[in-house]
Amino acid sequence: MTDRARDRDHTPAVAAAIEGELRLLDPAVRSDPALFAALLHPDFHEFGRSGRHWDRASMIAEITTATADDASPSAPLTTSRMRGVQLADDVVHLTFDTERNGHWTHRSSVWRRTGRGWLLYFHQGTPFS
């Protein structure tokens, strides 16, 4: 990687997107509909590791209900290899891997800067072994 590419990958925008992504993975945020929703763009959508397509409302309901109803939470979600690139002044693309209970997923997120700050616009998870 060139120095210029490395500098591009460590912009304040990339740092803000990584911070937002890590907040979305925090169990305290995932269990609070207002905190979780505050990080999702109004036009958010996702293709989950299951292949299901999610919109903003269905994702908020699923994540916050599942977290709140889970009396015995599964193992914590671990992340690795998180990196990002700023594609435009207001767009960041992150890639990373997660693991929970032996299930590994490649993840890709697109974050957009809005008047409310950096919000998750798109996410995709792809299982791998």
Protein backbone atom coordinates (compact mmCIF):
# COMPACT_ATOMS: atom_id res chain seq x y z
CA MET A 1 0.00 0.00 0.00
CA THR A 2 1.34 3.43 -0.86
CA ASP A 3 1.64 6.23 1.72
CA ARG A 4 -1.07 8.13 -0.11
CA ALA A 5 -3.47 5.16 0.07
CA ARG A 6 -2.63 4.62 3.74
CA ASP A 7 -3.36 8.31 4.49
CA ARG A 8 -6.66 8.07 2.63
CA ASP A 9 -7.62 5.06 4.72
CA HIS A 10 -7.03 6.93 8.00
CA THR A 11 -9.13 10.03 7.39
CA PRO A 12 -11.37 11.52 10.10
CA ALA A 13 -14.32 10.30 8.01
CA VAL A 14 -13.08 6.69 8.15
CA ALA A 15 -12.52 7.04 11.90
CA ALA A 16 -16.07 8.36 12.34
CA ALA A 17 -17.54 5.47 10.33
CA ILE A 18 -15.55 2.91 12.33
CA GLU A 19 -16.73 4.52 15.56
CA GLY A 20 -20.34 4.33 14.34
CA GLU A 21 -19.96 0.72 13.26
CA LEU A 22 -18.55 -0.29 16.64
CA ARG A 23 -21.39 1.54 18.40
CA LEU A 24 -23.91 -0.42 16.31
CA LEU A 25 -22.30 -3.63 17.55
CA ASP A 26 -22.48 -2.56 21.22
CA PRO A 27 -25.16 -4.59 23.09
CA ALA A 28 -26.29 -1.44 24.96
CA VAL A 29 -26.97 0.35 21.65
CA ARG A 30 -28.55 -2.75 20.08
CA SER A 31 -31.04 -3.02 22.94
CA ASP A 32 -32.17 0.62 22.72
CA PRO A 33 -34.34 1.43 19.67
CA ALA A 34 -33.60 5.17 19.84
CA LEU A 35 -29.82 4.72 20.07
CA PHE A 36 -29.80 2.09 17.33
CA ALA A 37 -32.07 4.10 15.01
CA ALA A 38 -29.96 7.24 15.48
CA LEU A 39 -27.11 5.53 13.59
CA LEU A 40 -29.14 4.36 10.58
CA HIS A 41 -29.72 6.51 7.49
CA PRO A 42 -33.42 7.05 6.62
CA ASP A 43 -32.84 5.06 3.39
CA PHE A 44 -30.88 2.26 5.11
CA HIS A 45 -31.07 -1.26 3.73
CA GLU A 46 -29.16 -4.48 4.27
CA PHE A 47 -28.66 -7.89 2.76
CA GLY A 48 -28.06 -10.07 5.82
CA ARG A 49 -25.89 -13.16 6.12
CA SER A 50 -29.12 -15.18 5.77
CA GLY A 51 -29.83 -13.60 2.38
CA ARG A 52 -32.79 -11.65 3.76
CA HIS A 53 -33.29 -8.03 2.70
CA TRP A 54 -33.89 -5.57 5.54
CA ASP A 55 -35.10 -1.98 5.49
CA ARG A 56 -34.56 0.51 8.31
CA ALA A 57 -37.79 -0.17 10.22
CA SER A 58 -37.49 -3.97 10.05
CA MET A 59 -33.83 -3.87 11.12
CA ILE A 60 -34.56 -1.63 14.12
CA ALA A 61 -37.43 -3.87 15.21
CA GLU A 62 -35.47 -7.10 14.72
CA ILE A 63 -32.23 -6.07 16.41
CA THR A 64 -33.68 -4.21 19.39
CA THR A 65 -36.39 -6.80 20.05
CA ALA A 66 -34.02 -9.75 19.71
CA THR A 67 -31.49 -8.14 22.06
CA ALA A 68 -34.12 -7.13 24.61
CA ASP A 69 -35.85 -10.55 24.56
CA ASP A 70 -32.65 -12.60 24.77
CA ALA A 71 -32.53 -13.80 28.40
CA SER A 72 -29.31 -15.72 27.79
CA PRO A 73 -27.27 -13.79 25.26
CA SER A 74 -25.11 -15.71 22.85
CA ALA A 75 -21.37 -15.33 22.87
CA PRO A 76 -20.16 -11.82 22.16
CA LEU A 77 -19.65 -10.74 18.58
CA THR A 78 -15.98 -10.26 17.80
CA THR A 79 -14.68 -8.15 14.95
CA SER A 80 -11.44 -8.37 13.03
CA ARG A 81 -9.70 -6.84 10.03
CA MET A 82 -11.82 -3.67 10.08
CA ARG A 83 -10.62 -1.14 7.56
CA GLY A 84 -12.14 1.64 5.54
CA VAL A 85 -11.68 3.89 2.59
CA GLN A 86 -13.20 7.29 2.00
CA LEU A 87 -14.84 7.12 -1.42
CA ALA A 88 -16.04 10.74 -1.49
CA ASP A 89 -16.33 13.66 0.92
CA ASP A 90 -19.54 12.20 2.30
CA VAL A 91 -19.11 8.43 1.71
CA VAL A 92 -17.02 5.81 3.52
CA HIS A 93 -16.83 2.08 2.77
CA LEU A 94 -15.88 -0.27 5.62
CA THR A 95 -15.04 -3.96 5.41
CA PHE A 96 -14.50 -6.31 8.34
CA ASP A 97 -15.15 -9.82 9.60
CA THR A 98 -17.22 -10.92 12.57
CA GLU A 99 -17.50 -14.15 14.52
CA ARG A 100 -20.16 -15.30 16.97
CA ASN A 101 -20.72 -18.85 18.17
CA GLY A 102 -18.45 -20.22 15.43
CA HIS A 103 -20.29 -18.36 12.64
CA TRP A 104 -17.96 -16.17 10.55
CA THR A 105 -19.22 -13.33 8.35
CA HIS A 106 -17.52 -10.96 5.89
CA ARG A 107 -19.18 -7.57 6.30
CA SER A 108 -19.34 -4.49 4.10
CA SER A 109 -20.86 -1.17 5.16
CA VAL A 110 -21.41 2.14 3.40
CA TRP A 111 -21.62 5.19 5.65
CA ARG A 112 -22.92 8.58 4.47
CA ARG A 113 -22.36 11.96 6.08
CA THR A 114 -25.63 13.82 6.66
CA GLY A 115 -26.69 16.90 8.61
CA ARG A 116 -26.98 14.56 11.61
CA GLY A 117 -23.48 13.13 11.17
CA TRP A 118 -22.28 9.80 9.76
CA LEU A 119 -25.11 7.28 9.28
CA LEU A 120 -25.10 3.69 8.06
CA TYR A 121 -26.64 3.67 4.58
CA PHE A 122 -26.01 0.07 3.45
CA HIS A 123 -24.74 -3.14 4.99
CA GLN A 124 -24.13 -6.66 3.69
CA GLY A 125 -23.05 -9.82 5.47
CA THR A 126 -21.73 -12.89 3.68
CA PRO A 127 -21.05 -16.12 5.61
CA PHE A 128 -17.69 -17.86 5.25
CA SER A 129 -15.79 -20.64 6.96
